[in-house]
C-alpha atoms as a PDB file:
ATOM      1  CA  UNK A   1      54.428-107.301  18.628  1.00  0.00           C
ATOM      2  CA  UNK A   2      56.703-109.986  20.034  1.00  0.00           C
ATOM      3  CA  UNK A   3      56.378-112.967  18.111  1.00  0.00           C
ATOM      4  CA  UNK A   4      59.090-114.975  19.940  1.00  0.00           C
ATOM      5  CA  UNK A   5      56.704-116.997  21.844  1.00  0.00           C
ATOM      6  CA  UNK A   6      55.821-118.776  18.534  1.00  0.00           C
ATOM      7  CA  UNK A   7      59.213-120.255  17.956  1.00  0.00           C
ATOM      8  CA  UNK A   8      60.925-123.108  19.671  1.00  0.00           C
ATOM      9  CA  UNK A   9      64.392-123.253  18.576  1.00  0.00           C
ATOM     10  CA  UNK A  10      67.215-125.734  18.400  1.00  0.00           C
ATOM     11  CA  UNK A  11      70.325-126.323  16.563  1.00  0.00           C
ATOM     12  CA  UNK A  12      70.108-128.052  13.092  1.00  0.00           C
ATOM     13  CA  UNK A  13      73.044-129.070  11.002  1.00  0.00           C
ATOM     14  CA  UNK A  14      73.891-126.557   8.352  1.00  0.00           C
ATOM     15  CA  UNK A  15      73.719-129.058   5.681  1.00  0.00           C
ATOM     16  CA  UNK A  16      69.962-129.260   6.284  1.00  0.00           C
ATOM     17  CA  UNK A  17      69.377-125.460   5.883  1.00  0.00           C
ATOM     18  CA  UNK A  18      70.013-125.388   2.216  1.00  0.00           C
ATOM     19  CA  UNK A  19      71.917-122.048   2.240  1.00  0.00           C
ATOM     20  CA  UNK A  20      70.025-120.511   5.215  1.00  0.00           C
ATOM     21  CA  UNK A  21      72.891-118.858   7.183  1.00  0.00           C
ATOM     22  CA  UNK A  22      71.297-118.920  10.614  1.00  0.00           C
ATOM     23  CA  UNK A  23      71.130-122.442  12.223  1.00  0.00           C
ATOM     24  CA  UNK A  24      68.548-121.596  14.679  1.00  0.00           C
ATOM     25  CA  UNK A  25      65.012-122.410  13.271  1.00  0.00           C
ATOM     26  CA  UNK A  26      61.661-123.043  14.525  1.00  0.00           C
ATOM     27  CA  UNK A  27      61.279-126.794  14.830  1.00  0.00           C
ATOM     28  CA  UNK A  28      57.664-126.585  16.139  1.00  0.00           C
ATOM     29  CA  UNK A  29      56.170-124.814  13.111  1.00  0.00           C
ATOM     30  CA  UNK A  30      58.884-124.479  10.367  1.00  0.00           C
ATOM     31  CA  UNK A  31      60.810-127.362   8.663  1.00  0.00           C
ATOM     32  CA  UNK A  32      63.579-127.479   6.091  1.00  0.00           C
ATOM     33  CA  UNK A  33      63.768-130.835   4.308  1.00  0.00           C
ATOM     34  CA  UNK A  34      65.753-131.310   0.969  1.00  0.00           C
ATOM     35  CA  UNK A  35      62.912-133.793   0.050  1.00  0.00           C
ATOM     36  CA  UNK A  36      60.119-131.268   0.261  1.00  0.00           C
ATOM     37  CA  UNK A  37      59.726-127.963  -1.437  1.00  0.00           C
ATOM     38  CA  UNK A  38      63.148-128.255  -2.925  1.00  0.00           C
ATOM     39  CA  UNK A  39      64.569-127.614   0.662  1.00  0.00           C
ATOM     40  CA  UNK A  40      62.949-124.324   1.011  1.00  0.00           C
ATOM     41  CA  UNK A  41      61.557-123.454   4.643  1.00  0.00           C
ATOM     42  CA  UNK A  42      57.845-124.457   4.887  1.00  0.00           C
ATOM     43  CA  UNK A  43      55.199-124.935   7.529  1.00  0.00           C
ATOM     44  CA  UNK A  44      55.533-128.493   8.950  1.00  0.00           C
ATOM     45  CA  UNK A  45      53.045-130.902   7.790  1.00  0.00           C
ATOM     46  CA  UNK A  46      52.441-128.869   4.718  1.00  0.00           C
ATOM     47  CA  UNK A  47      53.983-127.972   1.402  1.00  0.00           C
ATOM     48  CA  UNK A  48      53.235-124.234   2.125  1.00  0.00           C
ATOM     49  CA  UNK A  49      56.488-122.395   1.947  1.00  0.00           C
ATOM     50  CA  UNK A  50      57.474-119.552   4.167  1.00  0.00           C
ATOM     51  CA  UNK A  51      58.029-117.582   0.969  1.00  0.00           C
ATOM     52  CA  UNK A  52      54.438-118.309  -0.267  1.00  0.00           C
ATOM     53  CA  UNK A  53      53.131-116.988   3.111  1.00  0.00           C
ATOM     54  CA  UNK A  54      55.308-113.810   2.911  1.00  0.00           C
ATOM     55  CA  UNK A  55      54.171-113.130  -0.633  1.00  0.00           C
ATOM     56  CA  UNK A  56      50.450-113.531   0.191  1.00  0.00           C
ATOM     57  CA  UNK A  57      50.821-111.279   3.209  1.00  0.00           C
ATOM     58  CA  UNK A  58      53.301-108.708   1.975  1.00  0.00           C
ATOM     59  CA  UNK A  59      52.664-108.464  -1.714  1.00  0.00           C
ATOM     60  CA  UNK A  60      48.956-109.599  -2.048  1.00  0.00           C
ATOM     61  CA  UNK A  61      47.714-107.884   1.268  1.00  0.00           C
ATOM     62  CA  UNK A  62      46.028-110.988   2.667  1.00  0.00           C
ATOM     63  CA  UNK A  63      45.893-110.970   6.363  1.00  0.00           C
ATOM     64  CA  UNK A  64      47.584-113.722   8.453  1.00  0.00           C
ATOM     65  CA  UNK A  65      44.275-114.692   9.702  1.00  0.00           C
ATOM     66  CA  UNK A  66      42.808-114.975   6.318  1.00  0.00           C
ATOM     67  CA  UNK A  67      45.813-117.184   5.196  1.00  0.00           C
ATOM     68  CA  UNK A  68      45.479-119.549   8.095  1.00  0.00           C
ATOM     69  CA  UNK A  69      41.774-119.946   7.398  1.00  0.00           C
ATOM     70  CA  UNK A  70      42.042-120.348   3.718  1.00  0.00           C
ATOM     71  CA  UNK A  71      44.656-123.028   3.761  1.00  0.00           C
ATOM     72  CA  UNK A  72      43.459-124.710   6.942  1.00  0.00           C
ATOM     73  CA  UNK A  73      46.582-123.762   9.066  1.00  0.00           C
ATOM     74  CA  UNK A  74      47.088-122.780  12.500  1.00  0.00           C
ATOM     75  CA  UNK A  75      47.434-119.157  13.176  1.00  0.00           C
ATOM     76  CA  UNK A  76      50.463-119.857  15.167  1.00  0.00           C
ATOM     77  CA  UNK A  77      52.177-121.617  12.249  1.00  0.00           C
ATOM     78  CA  UNK A  78      51.331-118.613   9.859  1.00  0.00           C
ATOM     79  CA  UNK A  79      52.825-116.123  12.507  1.00  0.00           C
ATOM     80  CA  UNK A  80      55.759-118.436  12.776  1.00  0.00           C
ATOM     81  CA  UNK A  81      56.304-118.365   8.968  1.00  0.00           C
ATOM     82  CA  UNK A  82      56.220-114.625   8.905  1.00  0.00           C
ATOM     83  CA  UNK A  83      58.621-114.412  11.890  1.00  0.00           C
ATOM     84  CA  UNK A  84      60.936-116.968  10.128  1.00  0.00           C
ATOM     85  CA  UNK A  85      60.748-114.786   6.974  1.00  0.00           C
ATOM     86  CA  UNK A  86      61.803-111.609   8.680  1.00  0.00           C
ATOM     87  CA  UNK A  87      64.564-113.354  10.332  1.00  0.00           C
ATOM     88  CA  UNK A  88      65.755-114.972   7.141  1.00  0.00           C
ATOM     89  CA  UNK A  89      64.527-112.491   4.543  1.00  0.00           C
ATOM     90  CA  UNK A  90      67.889-112.123   2.583  1.00  0.00           C
ATOM     91  CA  UNK A  91      68.302-115.886   2.193  1.00  0.00           C
ATOM     92  CA  UNK A  92      64.571-116.454   1.303  1.00  0.00           C
ATOM     93  CA  UNK A  93      64.692-113.670  -1.341  1.00  0.00           C
ATOM     94  CA  UNK A  94      67.967-115.008  -2.782  1.00  0.00           C
ATOM     95  CA  UNK A  95      66.378-118.535  -3.110  1.00  0.00           C
ATOM     96  CA  UNK A  96      63.178-117.179  -4.667  1.00  0.00           C
ATOM     97  CA  UNK A  97      65.314-115.167  -7.318  1.00  0.00           C
ATOM     98  CA  UNK A  98      67.279-118.308  -7.962  1.00  0.00           C
ATOM     99  CA  UNK A  99      64.236-120.335  -8.531  1.00  0.00           C
ATOM    100  CA  UNK A 100      62.803-117.766 -10.741  1.00  0.00           C
ATOM    101  CA  UNK A 101      65.970-117.457 -12.816  1.00  0.00           C
ATOM    102  CA  UNK A 102      65.886-121.297 -13.251  1.00  0.00           C
ATOM    103  CA  UNK A 103      62.504-121.299 -14.524  1.00  0.00           C
ATOM    104  CA  UNK A 104      63.237-118.494 -16.999  1.00  0.00           C
ATOM    105  CA  UNK A 105      66.223-120.741 -18.210  1.00  0.00           C
ATOM    106  CA  UNK A 106      64.240-123.627 -18.784  1.00  0.00           C
ATOM    107  CA  UNK A 107      61.642-121.654 -20.626  1.00  0.00           C
ATOM    108  CA  UNK A 108      64.250-120.278 -22.846  1.00  0.00           C
ATOM    109  CA  UNK A 109      65.991-123.720 -23.510  1.00  0.00           C
ATOM    110  CA  UNK A 110      62.662-125.692 -24.127  1.00  0.00           C
ATOM    111  CA  UNK A 111      60.537-124.776 -27.110  1.00  0.00           C
ATOM    112  CA  UNK A 112      56.825-124.158 -26.549  1.00  0.00           C
ATOM    113  CA  UNK A 113      54.649-127.211 -26.565  1.00  0.00           C
ATOM    114  CA  UNK A 114      52.173-127.731 -29.344  1.00  0.00           C
ATOM    115  CA  UNK A 115      49.372-126.478 -27.234  1.00  0.00           C
ATOM    116  CA  UNK A 116      51.298-123.446 -26.236  1.00  0.00           C
ATOM    117  CA  UNK A 117      51.892-122.667 -29.834  1.00  0.00           C
ATOM    118  CA  UNK A 118      48.098-123.060 -30.635  1.00  0.00           C
ATOM    119  CA  UNK A 119      47.106-120.817 -27.759  1.00  0.00           C
ATOM    120  CA  UNK A 120      49.627-118.101 -29.088  1.00  0.00           C
ATOM    121  CA  UNK A 121      48.098-118.277 -32.621  1.00  0.00           C
ATOM    122  CA  UNK A 122      44.509-118.044 -31.121  1.00  0.00           C
ATOM    123  CA  UNK A 123      45.528-115.042 -29.068  1.00  0.00           C
ATOM    124  CA  UNK A 124      47.441-113.459 -31.950  1.00  0.00           C
ATOM    125  CA  UNK A 125      50.683-113.329 -30.356  1.00  0.00           C
END
C-alpha cells in the first residue's frame, strides 16, 4: 500500500528534529517541537507520539482504524504516524531506549516513596 499521499513534506531545520536524521517530515500530520512530548515526533494537535502509535499497532496488535477511533484521531494522521515511524524507525527506537534508560536511572537514584514501600509490604515483596 502506497502511503505517500498522506505526507506533505517540507524542509525543517535540523535543530528542530531532536536527533532525527532525515530533515523531511510530514508537516500536515506530524510535528516535532521541543516544547511537546520531549521533542519526539507526534501527531499534530495531540500529545500522541509516533512511537506510541507504533507500539499500539506493532506490539499490542491494535488496528490503525481502532487507534484512530479510540483516540479520536483522523485515520490519515494515524497512517501518517506509522509511515513516519517506518521512515525513521532507528531514530525512534533509539529515542525510546534512551527514555527508558533515563527512567530506570531515576528509579535507581530515588528511593521508593512511603506509599510504594507500603504497597511492597502489603504484596510481600
